[in-house]
Amino acid sequence: MVVDVKERLLQPDSQEKGWLLDGYPRSSSQSTALKGFGFKPHVFILLEILLRGKNIIYSPRETEEIAAGLTQRFDDTEEKVKLRLVTHNKNVEAELSMYEDITVRIAILTLSAQAKWH
């Protein structure tokens, strides 16, 4: 993955216009590799979703054609999601230590016990 990102960032359009990585790097090893290749972001944006309540419902506006093509991960259970969140939070903390001086935090607070994402 790191090599793919490196190759993409070396393309002329990225060199001339800049780049935006969404959800990457996800670990300190990926950040270290990017730094080793000479890539350093100007800003590191952290979107923090602050959950108030227990239930988050994903409710896309879909047509029958879209619904027919949707699948759900087999491991999308409450227990597995909690584990993924713990791992994600640990990785985020490691990332923040590398990008502390350029981090912009944006907090989003859900306003009800059941938030719908559209």
PDB file of N, CA and C in Angstrom:
ATOM      1  N   MET A   1       0.825  -1.190   0.000  1.00  0.00           N
ATOM      2  CA  MET A   1       0.000   0.000   0.000  1.00  0.00           C
ATOM      3  C   MET A   1       0.871   1.255   0.000  1.00  0.00           C
ATOM      4  N   VAL A   2       1.910   1.287   0.809  1.00  0.00           N
ATOM      5  CA  VAL A   2       2.758   2.477   0.895  1.00  0.00           C
ATOM      6  C   VAL A   2       3.418   2.764  -0.451  1.00  0.00           C
ATOM      7  N   VAL A   3       3.854   1.713  -1.138  1.00  0.00           N
ATOM      8  CA  VAL A   3       4.498   1.900  -2.440  1.00  0.00           C
ATOM      9  C   VAL A   3       3.500   2.461  -3.449  1.00  0.00           C
ATOM     10  N   ASP A   4       2.250   1.978  -3.408  1.00  0.00           N
ATOM     11  CA  ASP A   4       1.216   2.503  -4.309  1.00  0.00           C
ATOM     12  C   ASP A   4       0.979   3.989  -4.054  1.00  0.00           C
ATOM     13  N   VAL A   5       0.901   4.367  -2.784  1.00  0.00           N
ATOM     14  CA  VAL A   5       0.693   5.781  -2.445  1.00  0.00           C
ATOM     15  C   VAL A   5       1.895   6.600  -2.901  1.00  0.00           C
ATOM     16  N   LYS A   6       3.086   6.094  -2.649  1.00  0.00           N
ATOM     17  CA  LYS A   6       4.304   6.804  -3.073  1.00  0.00           C
ATOM     18  C   LYS A   6       4.290   7.048  -4.577  1.00  0.00           C
ATOM     19  N   GLU A   7       3.990   5.992  -5.350  1.00  0.00           N
ATOM     20  CA  GLU A   7       3.980   6.132  -6.807  1.00  0.00           C
ATOM     21  C   GLU A   7       2.949   7.161  -7.263  1.00  0.00           C
ATOM     22  N   ARG A   8       1.788   7.161  -6.599  1.00  0.00           N
ATOM     23  CA  ARG A   8       0.748   8.123  -6.987  1.00  0.00           C
ATOM     24  C   ARG A   8       1.167   9.553  -6.660  1.00  0.00           C
ATOM     25  N   LEU A   9       1.783   9.739  -5.492  1.00  0.00           N
ATOM     26  CA  LEU A   9       2.182  11.087  -5.089  1.00  0.00           C
ATOM     27  C   LEU A   9       3.343  11.624  -5.924  1.00  0.00           C
ATOM     28  N   LEU A  10       4.053  10.732  -6.590  1.00  0.00           N
ATOM     29  CA  LEU A  10       5.142  11.157  -7.464  1.00  0.00           C
ATOM     30  C   LEU A  10       4.665  11.546  -8.863  1.00  0.00           C
ATOM     31  N   GLN A  11       3.389  11.326  -9.166  1.00  0.00           N
ATOM     32  CA  GLN A  11       2.848  11.693 -10.475  1.00  0.00           C
ATOM     33  C   GLN A  11       2.877  13.217 -10.635  1.00  0.00           C
ATOM     34  N   PRO A  12       3.048  13.678 -11.869  1.00  0.00           N
ATOM     35  CA  PRO A  12       3.167  15.127 -12.106  1.00  0.00           C
ATOM     36  C   PRO A  12       2.017  15.965 -11.536  1.00  0.00           C
ATOM     37  N   ASP A  13       0.767  15.475 -11.646  1.00  0.00           N
ATOM     38  CA  ASP A  13      -0.343  16.283 -11.151  1.00  0.00           C
ATOM     39  C   ASP A  13      -0.279  16.452  -9.635  1.00  0.00           C
ATOM     40  N   SER A  14       0.143  15.415  -8.920  1.00  0.00           N
ATOM     41  CA  SER A  14       0.287  15.524  -7.464  1.00  0.00           C
ATOM     42  C   SER A  14       1.419  16.461  -7.091  1.00  0.00           C
ATOM     43  N   GLN A  15       2.487  16.399  -7.853  1.00  0.00           N
ATOM     44  CA  GLN A  15       3.628  17.267  -7.599  1.00  0.00           C
ATOM     45  C   GLN A  15       3.283  18.729  -7.871  1.00  0.00           C
ATOM     46  N   GLU A  16       2.482  18.978  -8.914  1.00  0.00           N
ATOM     47  CA  GLU A  16       2.149  20.340  -9.302  1.00  0.00           C
ATOM     48  C   GLU A  16       1.003  20.934  -8.477  1.00  0.00           C
ATOM     49  N   LYS A  17      -0.047  20.136  -8.225  1.00  0.00           N
ATOM     50  CA  LYS A  17      -1.260  20.659  -7.608  1.00  0.00           C
ATOM     51  C   LYS A  17      -1.415  20.302  -6.139  1.00  0.00           C
ATOM     52  N   GLY A  18      -0.643  19.343  -5.663  1.00  0.00           N
ATOM     53  CA  GLY A  18      -0.782  18.896  -4.288  1.00  0.00           C
ATOM     54  C   GLY A  18      -1.620  17.631  -4.197  1.00  0.00           C
ATOM     55  N   TRP A  19      -1.884  17.191  -2.990  1.00  0.00           N
ATOM     56  CA  TRP A  19      -2.585  15.933  -2.809  1.00  0.00           C
ATOM     57  C   TRP A  19      -3.371  15.919  -1.515  1.00  0.00           C
ATOM     58  N   LEU A  20      -4.366  15.036  -1.481  1.00  0.00           N
ATOM     59  CA  LEU A  20      -5.211  14.827  -0.312  1.00  0.00           C
ATOM     60  C   LEU A  20      -5.343  13.322  -0.117  1.00  0.00           C
ATOM     61  N   LEU A  21      -5.005  12.850   1.060  1.00  0.00           N
ATOM     62  CA  LEU A  21      -5.156  11.427   1.373  1.00  0.00           C
ATOM     63  C   LEU A  21      -6.304  11.290   2.361  1.00  0.00           C
ATOM     64  N   ASP A  22      -7.294  10.501   2.021  1.00  0.00           N
ATOM     65  CA  ASP A  22      -8.468  10.292   2.856  1.00  0.00           C
ATOM     66  C   ASP A  22      -8.345   8.940   3.550  1.00  0.00           C
ATOM     67  N   GLY A  23      -8.190   8.947   4.876  1.00  0.00           N
ATOM     68  CA  GLY A  23      -8.087   7.699   5.614  1.00  0.00           C
ATOM     69  C   GLY A  23      -6.713   7.061   5.538  1.00  0.00           C
ATOM     70  N   TYR A  24      -5.735   7.813   5.152  1.00  0.00           N
ATOM     71  CA  TYR A  24      -4.370   7.306   5.029  1.00  0.00           C
ATOM     72  C   TYR A  24      -3.416   8.423   5.389  1.00  0.00           C
ATOM     73  N   PRO A  25      -2.400   8.166   6.141  1.00  0.00           N
ATOM     74  CA  PRO A  25      -1.957   6.897   6.712  1.00  0.00           C
ATOM     75  C   PRO A  25      -2.827   6.475   7.896  1.00  0.00           C
ATOM     76  N   ARG A  26      -2.877   5.170   8.123  1.00  0.00           N
ATOM     77  CA  ARG A  26      -3.679   4.618   9.218  1.00  0.00           C
ATOM     78  C   ARG A  26      -2.828   4.087  10.355  1.00  0.00           C
ATOM     79  N   SER A  27      -1.532   4.131  10.194  1.00  0.00           N
ATOM     80  CA  SER A  27      -0.655   3.622  11.248  1.00  0.00           C
ATOM     81  C   SER A  27       0.642   4.427  11.259  1.00  0.00           C
ATOM     82  N   SER A  28       1.353   4.331  12.371  1.00  0.00           N
ATOM     83  CA  SER A  28       2.617   5.073  12.462  1.00  0.00           C
ATOM     84  C   SER A  28       3.641   4.532  11.472  1.00  0.00           C
ATOM     85  N   SER A  29       3.580   3.236  11.146  1.00  0.00           N
ATOM     86  CA  SER A  29       4.527   2.690  10.164  1.00  0.00           C
ATOM     87  C   SER A  29       4.279   3.287   8.779  1.00  0.00           C
ATOM     88  N   GLN A  30       3.005   3.507   8.430  1.00  0.00           N
ATOM     89  CA  GLN A  30       2.709   4.143   7.150  1.00  0.00           C
ATOM     90  C   GLN A  30       3.154   5.603   7.156  1.00  0.00           C
ATOM     91  N   SER A  31       2.953   6.301   8.261  1.00  0.00           N
ATOM     92  CA  SER A  31       3.406   7.696   8.369  1.00  0.00           C
ATOM     93  C   SER A  31       4.918   7.785   8.264  1.00  0.00           C
ATOM     94  N   THR A  32       5.595   6.877   8.932  1.00  0.00           N
ATOM     95  CA  THR A  32       7.062   6.846   8.902  1.00  0.00           C
ATOM     96  C   THR A  32       7.559   6.586   7.485  1.00  0.00           C
ATOM     97  N   ALA A  33       6.898   5.672   6.785  1.00  0.00           N
ATOM     98  CA  ALA A  33       7.296   5.374   5.405  1.00  0.00           C
ATOM     99  C   ALA A  33       7.096   6.589   4.513  1.00  0.00           C
ATOM    100  N   LEU A  34       5.951   7.255   4.633  1.00  0.00           N
ATOM    101  CA  LEU A  34       5.711   8.455   3.826  1.00  0.00           C
ATOM    102  C   LEU A  34       6.769   9.524   4.096  1.00  0.00           C
ATOM    103  N   LYS A  35       7.079   9.702   5.363  1.00  0.00           N
ATOM    104  CA  LYS A  35       8.099  10.691   5.736  1.00  0.00           C
ATOM    105  C   LYS A  35       9.451  10.303   5.139  1.00  0.00           C
ATOM    106  N   GLY A  36       9.749   9.011   5.184  1.00  0.00           N
ATOM    107  CA  GLY A  36      11.006   8.520   4.614  1.00  0.00           C
ATOM    108  C   GLY A  36      11.100   8.746   3.111  1.00  0.00           C
ATOM    109  N   PHE A  37       9.963   8.749   2.422  1.00  0.00           N
ATOM    110  CA  PHE A  37       9.926   9.018   0.990  1.00  0.00           C
ATOM    111  C   PHE A  37       9.946  10.518   0.697  1.00  0.00           C
ATOM    112  N   GLY A  38       9.908  11.336   1.750  1.00  0.00           N
ATOM    113  CA  GLY A  38       9.963  12.787   1.570  1.00  0.00           C
ATOM    114  C   GLY A  38       8.613  13.472   1.480  1.00  0.00           C
ATOM    115  N   PHE A  39       7.539  12.780   1.829  1.00  0.00           N
ATOM    116  CA  PHE A  39       6.205  13.369   1.782  1.00  0.00           C
ATOM    117  C   PHE A  39       5.771  13.781   3.176  1.00  0.00           C
ATOM    118  N   LYS A  40       5.392  15.053   3.307  1.00  0.00           N
ATOM    119  CA  LYS A  40       4.842  15.532   4.569  1.00  0.00           C
ATOM    120  C   LYS A  40       3.646  16.411   4.264  1.00  0.00           C
ATOM    121  N   PRO A  41       2.504  16.092   4.863  1.00  0.00           N
ATOM    122  CA  PRO A  41       1.317  16.918   4.594  1.00  0.00           C
ATOM    123  C   PRO A  41       1.474  18.313   5.196  1.00  0.00           C
ATOM    124  N   HIS A  42       0.757  19.264   4.617  1.00  0.00           N
ATOM    125  CA  HIS A  42       0.730  20.619   5.168  1.00  0.00           C
ATOM    126  C   HIS A  42      -0.217  20.694   6.351  1.00  0.00           C
ATOM    127  N   VAL A  43      -1.259  19.842   6.321  1.00  0.00           N
ATOM    128  CA  VAL A  43      -2.246  19.808   7.396  1.00  0.00           C
ATOM    129  C   VAL A  43      -2.747  18.369   7.554  1.00  0.00           C
ATOM    130  N   PHE A  44      -3.036  18.006   8.784  1.00  0.00           N
ATOM    131  CA  PHE A  44      -3.601  16.695   9.112  1.00  0.00           C
ATOM    132  C   PHE A  44      -4.955  16.963   9.742  1.00  0.00           C
ATOM    133  N   ILE A  45      -6.031  16.592   9.044  1.00  0.00           N
ATOM    134  CA  ILE A  45      -7.383  16.874   9.515  1.00  0.00           C
ATOM    135  C   ILE A  45      -7.942  15.635  10.195  1.00  0.00           C
ATOM    136  N   LEU A  46      -8.383  15.806  11.417  1.00  0.00           N
ATOM    137  CA  LEU A  46      -8.974  14.710  12.179  1.00  0.00           C
ATOM    138  C   LEU A  46     -10.436  15.017  12.435  1.00  0.00           C
ATOM    139  N   LEU A  47     -11.322  14.225  11.828  1.00  0.00           N
ATOM    140  CA  LEU A  47     -12.757  14.351  12.079  1.00  0.00           C
ATOM    141  C   LEU A  47     -13.084  13.427  13.240  1.00  0.00           C
ATOM    142  N   GLU A  48     -13.541  14.004  14.336  1.00  0.00           N
ATOM    143  CA  GLU A  48     -13.899  13.225  15.507  1.00  0.00           C
ATOM    144  C   GLU A  48     -15.415  13.156  15.614  1.00  0.00           C
ATOM    145  N   ILE A  49     -15.963  11.960  15.496  1.00  0.00           N
ATOM    146  CA  ILE A  49     -17.399  11.762  15.628  1.00  0.00           C
ATOM    147  C   ILE A  49     -17.671  11.409  17.084  1.00  0.00           C
ATOM    148  N   LEU A  50     -18.347  12.291  17.778  1.00  0.00           N
ATOM    149  CA  LEU A  50     -18.660  12.088  19.184  1.00  0.00           C
ATOM    150  C   LEU A  50     -20.069  11.526  19.272  1.00  0.00           C
ATOM    151  N   LEU A  51     -20.160  10.293  19.673  1.00  0.00           N
ATOM    152  CA  LEU A  51     -21.444   9.596  19.682  1.00  0.00           C
ATOM    153  C   LEU A  51     -22.158   9.808  20.998  1.00  0.00           C
ATOM    154  N   ARG A  52     -23.353  10.314  20.923  1.00  0.00           N
ATOM    155  CA  ARG A  52     -24.183  10.475  22.110  1.00  0.00           C
ATOM    156  C   ARG A  52     -25.354   9.523  21.945  1.00  0.00           C
ATOM    157  N   GLY A  53     -25.473   8.569  22.817  1.00  0.00           N
ATOM    158  CA  GLY A  53     -26.514   7.556  22.684  1.00  0.00           C
ATOM    159  C   GLY A  53     -25.909   6.242  22.226  1.00  0.00           C
ATOM    160  N   LYS A  54     -26.749   5.262  22.027  1.00  0.00           N
ATOM    161  CA  LYS A  54     -26.258   3.925  21.739  1.00  0.00           C
ATOM    162  C   LYS A  54     -26.313   3.536  20.277  1.00  0.00           C
ATOM    163  N   ASN A  55     -27.260   4.032  19.533  1.00  0.00           N
ATOM    164  CA  ASN A  55     -27.511   3.499  18.203  1.00  0.00           C
ATOM    165  C   ASN A  55     -27.151   4.473  17.097  1.00  0.00           C
ATOM    166  N   ILE A  56     -26.371   3.992  16.171  1.00  0.00           N
ATOM    167  CA  ILE A  56     -26.098   4.742  14.952  1.00  0.00           C
ATOM    168  C   ILE A  56     -26.670   3.904  13.815  1.00  0.00           C
ATOM    169  N   ILE A  57     -27.535   4.492  13.028  1.00  0.00           N
ATOM    170  CA  ILE A  57     -28.217   3.772  11.957  1.00  0.00           C
ATOM    171  C   ILE A  57     -27.750   4.334  10.627  1.00  0.00           C
ATOM    172  N   TYR A  58     -27.282   3.475   9.751  1.00  0.00           N
ATOM    173  CA  TYR A  58     -26.912   3.913   8.414  1.00  0.00           C
ATOM    174  C   TYR A  58     -28.124   3.702   7.521  1.00  0.00           C
ATOM    175  N   SER A  59     -28.616   4.764   6.940  1.00  0.00           N
ATOM    176  CA  SER A  59     -29.857   4.693   6.192  1.00  0.00           C
ATOM    177  C   SER A  59     -29.698   5.405   4.846  1.00  0.00           C
ATOM    178  N   PRO A  60     -29.069   4.726   3.875  1.00  0.00           N
ATOM    179  CA  PRO A  60     -28.873   5.404   2.590  1.00  0.00           C
ATOM    180  C   PRO A  60     -30.178   5.527   1.823  1.00  0.00           C
ATOM    181  N   ARG A  61     -30.285   6.558   1.029  1.00  0.00           N
ATOM    182  CA  ARG A  61     -31.419   6.687   0.113  1.00  0.00           C
ATOM    183  C   ARG A  61     -31.055   5.849  -1.098  1.00  0.00           C
ATOM    184  N   GLU A  62     -31.759   4.763  -1.272  1.00  0.00           N
ATOM    185  CA  GLU A  62     -31.349   3.840  -2.319  1.00  0.00           C
ATOM    186  C   GLU A  62     -32.513   3.455  -3.218  1.00  0.00           C
ATOM    187  N   THR A  63     -32.158   3.091  -4.427  1.00  0.00           N
ATOM    188  CA  THR A  63     -33.130   2.538  -5.355  1.00  0.00           C
ATOM    189  C   THR A  63     -33.074   1.021  -5.220  1.00  0.00           C
ATOM    190  N   GLU A  64     -34.025   0.325  -5.827  1.00  0.00           N
ATOM    191  CA  GLU A  64     -34.007  -1.142  -5.775  1.00  0.00           C
ATOM    192  C   GLU A  64     -32.736  -1.679  -6.419  1.00  0.00           C
ATOM    193  N   GLU A  65     -32.285  -1.030  -7.484  1.00  0.00           N
ATOM    194  CA  GLU A  65     -31.068  -1.469  -8.174  1.00  0.00           C
ATOM    195  C   GLU A  65     -29.847  -1.340  -7.258  1.00  0.00           C
ATOM    196  N   ILE A  66     -29.742  -0.223  -6.545  1.00  0.00           N
ATOM    197  CA  ILE A  66     -28.623  -0.031  -5.621  1.00  0.00           C
ATOM    198  C   ILE A  66     -28.733  -1.023  -4.472  1.00  0.00           C
ATOM    199  N   ALA A  67     -29.931  -1.176  -3.905  1.00  0.00           N
ATOM    200  CA  ALA A  67     -30.129  -2.096  -2.778  1.00  0.00           C
ATOM    201  C   ALA A  67     -29.731  -3.519  -3.150  1.00  0.00           C
ATOM    202  N   ALA A  68     -29.998  -3.921  -4.373  1.00  0.00           N
ATOM    203  CA  ALA A  68     -29.666  -5.279  -4.806  1.00  0.00           C
ATOM    204  C   ALA A  68     -28.155  -5.509  -4.821  1.00  0.00           C
ATOM    205  N   GLY A  69     -27.380  -4.460  -5.008  1.00  0.00           N
ATOM    206  CA  GLY A  69     -25.931  -4.593  -5.063  1.00  0.00           C
ATOM    207  C   GLY A  69     -25.216  -4.381  -3.741  1.00  0.00           C
ATOM    208  N   LEU A  70     -25.947  -4.001  -2.693  1.00  0.00           N
ATOM    209  CA  LEU A  70     -25.336  -3.742  -1.403  1.00  0.00           C
ATOM    210  C   LEU A  70     -25.079  -5.035  -0.641  1.00  0.00           C
ATOM    211  N   THR A  71     -23.977  -5.079   0.040  1.00  0.00           N
ATOM    212  CA  THR A  71     -23.680  -6.209   0.924  1.00  0.00           C
ATOM    213  C   THR A  71     -23.242  -5.659   2.271  1.00  0.00           C
ATOM    214  N   GLN A  72     -23.357  -6.471   3.291  1.00  0.00           N
ATOM    215  CA  GLN A  72     -22.910  -6.081   4.624  1.00  0.00           C
ATOM    216  C   GLN A  72     -21.754  -6.987   5.014  1.00  0.00           C
ATOM    217  N   ARG A  73     -20.744  -6.418   5.627  1.00  0.00           N
ATOM    218  CA  ARG A  73     -19.607  -7.221   6.082  1.00  0.00           C
ATOM    219  C   ARG A  73     -20.084  -8.268   7.072  1.00  0.00           C
ATOM    220  N   PHE A  74     -19.510  -9.456   6.972  1.00  0.00           N
ATOM    221  CA  PHE A  74     -19.890 -10.529   7.888  1.00  0.00           C
ATOM    222  C   PHE A  74     -19.504 -10.208   9.323  1.00  0.00           C
ATOM    223  N   ASP A  75     -18.514  -9.362   9.490  1.00  0.00           N
ATOM    224  CA  ASP A  75     -18.049  -9.054  10.840  1.00  0.00           C
ATOM    225  C   ASP A  75     -18.582  -7.721  11.360  1.00  0.00           C
ATOM    226  N   ASP A  76     -19.658  -7.239  10.785  1.00  0.00           N
ATOM    227  CA  ASP A  76     -20.284  -6.016  11.292  1.00  0.00           C
ATOM    228  C   ASP A  76     -21.215  -6.336  12.454  1.00  0.00           C
ATOM    229  N   THR A  77     -20.612  -6.834  13.509  1.00  0.00           N
ATOM    230  CA  THR A  77     -21.352  -7.075  14.738  1.00  0.00           C
ATOM    231  C   THR A  77     -20.941  -6.005  15.736  1.00  0.00           C
ATOM    232  N   GLU A  78     -21.748  -5.793  16.746  1.00  0.00           N
ATOM    233  CA  GLU A  78     -21.427  -4.770  17.740  1.00  0.00           C
ATOM    234  C   GLU A  78     -20.057  -5.030  18.365  1.00  0.00           C
ATOM    235  N   GLU A  79     -19.779  -6.278  18.689  1.00  0.00           N
ATOM    236  CA  GLU A  79     -18.500  -6.637  19.322  1.00  0.00           C
ATOM    237  C   GLU A  79     -17.314  -6.331  18.410  1.00  0.00           C
ATOM    238  N   LYS A  80     -17.417  -6.712  17.146  1.00  0.00           N
ATOM    239  CA  LYS A  80     -16.312  -6.489  16.200  1.00  0.00           C
ATOM    240  C   LYS A  80     -16.117  -4.998  15.912  1.00  0.00           C
ATOM    241  N   VAL A  81     -17.213  -4.277  15.819  1.00  0.00           N
ATOM    242  CA  VAL A  81     -17.098  -2.833  15.569  1.00  0.00           C
ATOM    243  C   VAL A  81     -16.406  -2.153  16.746  1.00  0.00           C
ATOM    244  N   LYS A  82     -16.749  -2.554  17.966  1.00  0.00           N
ATOM    245  CA  LYS A  82     -16.086  -1.991  19.148  1.00  0.00           C
ATOM    246  C   LYS A  82     -14.584  -2.262  19.110  1.00  0.00           C
ATOM    247  N   LEU A  83     -14.196  -3.481  18.721  1.00  0.00           N
ATOM    248  CA  LEU A  83     -12.767  -3.814  18.616  1.00  0.00           C
ATOM    249  C   LEU A  83     -12.079  -2.963  17.551  1.00  0.00           C
ATOM    250  N   ARG A  84     -12.737  -2.792  16.412  1.00  0.00           N
ATOM    251  CA  ARG A  84     -12.153  -1.961  15.353  1.00  0.00           C
ATOM    252  C   ARG A  84     -11.996  -0.522  15.820  1.00  0.00           C
ATOM    253  N   LEU A  85     -12.958  -0.028  16.593  1.00  0.00           N
ATOM    254  CA  LEU A  85     -12.850   1.336  17.109  1.00  0.00           C
ATOM    255  C   LEU A  85     -11.692   1.489  18.091  1.00  0.00           C
ATOM    256  N   VAL A  86     -11.466   0.487  18.929  1.00  0.00           N
ATOM    257  CA  VAL A  86     -10.334   0.530  19.864  1.00  0.00           C
ATOM    258  C   VAL A  86      -9.028   0.595  19.080  1.00  0.00           C
ATOM    259  N   THR A  87      -8.894  -0.261  18.068  1.00  0.00           N
ATOM    260  CA  THR A  87      -7.687  -0.262  17.238  1.00  0.00           C
ATOM    261  C   THR A  87      -7.539   1.071  16.513  1.00  0.00           C
ATOM    262  N   HIS A  88      -8.626   1.566  15.950  1.00  0.00           N
ATOM    263  CA  HIS A  88      -8.598   2.852  15.250  1.00  0.00           C
ATOM    264  C   HIS A  88      -8.126   3.967  16.186  1.00  0.00           C
ATOM    265  N   ASN A  89      -8.677   4.022  17.386  1.00  0.00           N
ATOM    266  CA  ASN A  89      -8.312   5.084  18.328  1.00  0.00           C
ATOM    267  C   ASN A  89      -6.845   5.008  18.719  1.00  0.00           C
ATOM    268  N   LYS A  90      -6.307   3.807  18.902  1.00  0.00           N
ATOM    269  CA  LYS A  90      -4.873   3.669  19.207  1.00  0.00           C
ATOM    270  C   LYS A  90      -4.033   4.188  18.046  1.00  0.00           C
ATOM    271  N   ASN A  91      -4.425   3.815  16.818  1.00  0.00           N
ATOM    272  CA  ASN A  91      -3.679   4.268  15.645  1.00  0.00           C
ATOM    273  C   ASN A  91      -3.758   5.782  15.480  1.00  0.00           C
ATOM    274  N   VAL A  92      -4.917   6.355  15.749  1.00  0.00           N
ATOM    275  CA  VAL A  92      -5.078   7.807  15.632  1.00  0.00           C
ATOM    276  C   VAL A  92      -4.135   8.515  16.598  1.00  0.00           C
ATOM    277  N   GLU A  93      -4.039   8.012  17.817  1.00  0.00           N
ATOM    278  CA  GLU A  93      -3.136   8.634  18.796  1.00  0.00           C
ATOM    279  C   GLU A  93      -1.691   8.606  18.312  1.00  0.00           C
ATOM    280  N   ALA A  94      -1.284   7.491  17.701  1.00  0.00           N
ATOM    281  CA  ALA A  94       0.082   7.397  17.164  1.00  0.00           C
ATOM    282  C   ALA A  94       0.276   8.401  16.024  1.00  0.00           C
ATOM    283  N   GLU A  95      -0.740   8.535  15.168  1.00  0.00           N
ATOM    284  CA  GLU A  95      -0.661   9.482  14.065  1.00  0.00           C
ATOM    285  C   GLU A  95      -0.554  10.913  14.583  1.00  0.00           C
ATOM    286  N   LEU A  96      -1.351  11.227  15.578  1.00  0.00           N
ATOM    287  CA  LEU A  96      -1.343  12.588  16.119  1.00  0.00           C
ATOM    288  C   LEU A  96       0.017  12.965  16.675  1.00  0.00           C
ATOM    289  N   SER A  97       0.722  12.014  17.236  1.00  0.00           N
ATOM    290  CA  SER A  97       2.050  12.332  17.771  1.00  0.00           C
ATOM    291  C   SER A  97       3.014  12.703  16.649  1.00  0.00           C
ATOM    292  N   MET A  98       2.815  12.136  15.460  1.00  0.00           N
ATOM    293  CA  MET A  98       3.700  12.465  14.333  1.00  0.00           C
ATOM    294  C   MET A  98       3.323  13.787  13.670  1.00  0.00           C
ATOM    295  N   TYR A  99       2.028  14.141  13.715  1.00  0.00           N
ATOM    296  CA  TYR A  99       1.545  15.319  13.013  1.00  0.00           C
ATOM    297  C   TYR A  99       0.991  16.371  13.971  1.00  0.00           C
ATOM    298  N   GLU A 100       1.446  16.337  15.195  1.00  0.00           N
ATOM    299  CA  GLU A 100       0.918  17.206  16.246  1.00  0.00           C
ATOM    300  C   GLU A 100       0.903  18.682  15.854  1.00  0.00           C
ATOM    301  N   ASP A 101       1.959  19.131  15.203  1.00  0.00           N
ATOM    302  CA  ASP A 101       2.083  20.547  14.878  1.00  0.00           C
ATOM    303  C   ASP A 101       1.205  20.995  13.709  1.00  0.00           C
ATOM    304  N   ILE A 102       0.629  20.050  12.965  1.00  0.00           N
ATOM    305  CA  ILE A 102      -0.184  20.428  11.803  1.00  0.00           C
ATOM    306  C   ILE A 102      -1.602  19.857  11.872  1.00  0.00           C
ATOM    307  N   THR A 103      -2.005  19.360  13.022  1.00  0.00           N
ATOM    308  CA  THR A 103      -3.321  18.732  13.161  1.00  0.00           C
ATOM    309  C   THR A 103      -4.417  19.766  13.405  1.00  0.00           C
ATOM    310  N   VAL A 104      -5.505  19.603  12.656  1.00  0.00           N
ATOM    311  CA  VAL A 104      -6.719  20.385  12.852  1.00  0.00           C
ATOM    312  C   VAL A 104      -7.802  19.381  13.242  1.00  0.00           C
ATOM    313  N   ARG A 105      -8.373  19.556  14.439  1.00  0.00           N
ATOM    314  CA  ARG A 105      -9.436  18.660  14.907  1.00  0.00           C
ATOM    315  C   ARG A 105     -10.792  19.296  14.647  1.00  0.00           C
ATOM    316  N   ILE A 106     -11.680  18.487  14.069  1.00  0.00           N
ATOM    317  CA  ILE A 106     -13.049  18.929  13.843  1.00  0.00           C
ATOM    318  C   ILE A 106     -13.947  17.915  14.537  1.00  0.00           C
ATOM    319  N   ALA A 107     -14.684  18.370  15.552  1.00  0.00           N
ATOM    320  CA  ALA A 107     -15.555  17.482  16.312  1.00  0.00           C
ATOM    321  C   ALA A 107     -16.983  17.594  15.804  1.00  0.00           C
ATOM    322  N   ILE A 108     -17.612  16.442  15.623  1.00  0.00           N
ATOM    323  CA  ILE A 108     -19.002  16.380  15.184  1.00  0.00           C
ATOM    324  C   ILE A 108     -19.761  15.608  16.250  1.00  0.00           C
ATOM    325  N   LEU A 109     -20.740  16.247  16.856  1.00  0.00           N
ATOM    326  CA  LEU A 109     -21.513  15.638  17.932  1.00  0.00           C
ATOM    327  C   LEU A 109     -22.880  15.238  17.414  1.00  0.00           C
ATOM    328  N   THR A 110     -23.230  13.954  17.617  1.00  0.00           N
ATOM    329  CA  THR A 110     -24.583  13.544  17.248  1.00  0.00           C
ATOM    330  C   THR A 110     -25.524  14.105  18.298  1.00  0.00           C
ATOM    331  N   LEU A 111     -26.700  14.511  17.883  1.00  0.00           N
ATOM    332  CA  LEU A 111     -27.607  15.211  18.786  1.00  0.00           C
ATOM    333  C   LEU A 111     -28.691  14.343  19.401  1.00  0.00           C
ATOM    334  N   SER A 112     -28.802  13.106  18.943  1.00  0.00           N
ATOM    335  CA  SER A 112     -29.857  12.264  19.497  1.00  0.00           C
ATOM    336  C   SER A 112     -29.325  10.866  19.736  1.00  0.00           C
ATOM    337  N   ALA A 113     -30.090  10.090  20.441  1.00  0.00           N
ATOM    338  CA  ALA A 113     -29.674   8.712  20.734  1.00  0.00           C
ATOM    339  C   ALA A 113     -29.626   7.878  19.463  1.00  0.00           C
ATOM    340  N   GLN A 114     -30.454   8.218  18.494  1.00  0.00           N
ATOM    341  CA  GLN A 114     -30.428   7.491  17.235  1.00  0.00           C
ATOM    342  C   GLN A 114     -30.136   8.478  16.110  1.00  0.00           C
ATOM    343  N   ALA A 115     -28.907   8.460  15.660  1.00  0.00           N
ATOM    344  CA  ALA A 115     -28.511   9.350  14.573  1.00  0.00           C
ATOM    345  C   ALA A 115     -28.657   8.618  13.260  1.00  0.00           C
ATOM    346  N   LYS A 116     -29.234   9.276  12.272  1.00  0.00           N
ATOM    347  CA  LYS A 116     -29.369   8.677  10.956  1.00  0.00           C
ATOM    348  C   LYS A 116     -28.365   9.331  10.018  1.00  0.00           C
ATOM    349  N   TRP A 117     -27.630   8.533   9.301  1.00  0.00           N
ATOM    350  CA  TRP A 117     -26.666   9.015   8.321  1.00  0.00           C
ATOM    351  C   TRP A 117     -27.301   8.847   6.955  1.00  0.00           C
ATOM    352  N   HIS A 118     -27.413   9.947   6.216  1.00  0.00           N
ATOM    353  CA  HIS A 118     -28.034   9.881   4.882  1.00  0.00           C
ATOM    354  C   HIS A 118     -26.998  10.175   3.838  1.00  0.00           C
TER     355      HIS A 118
END
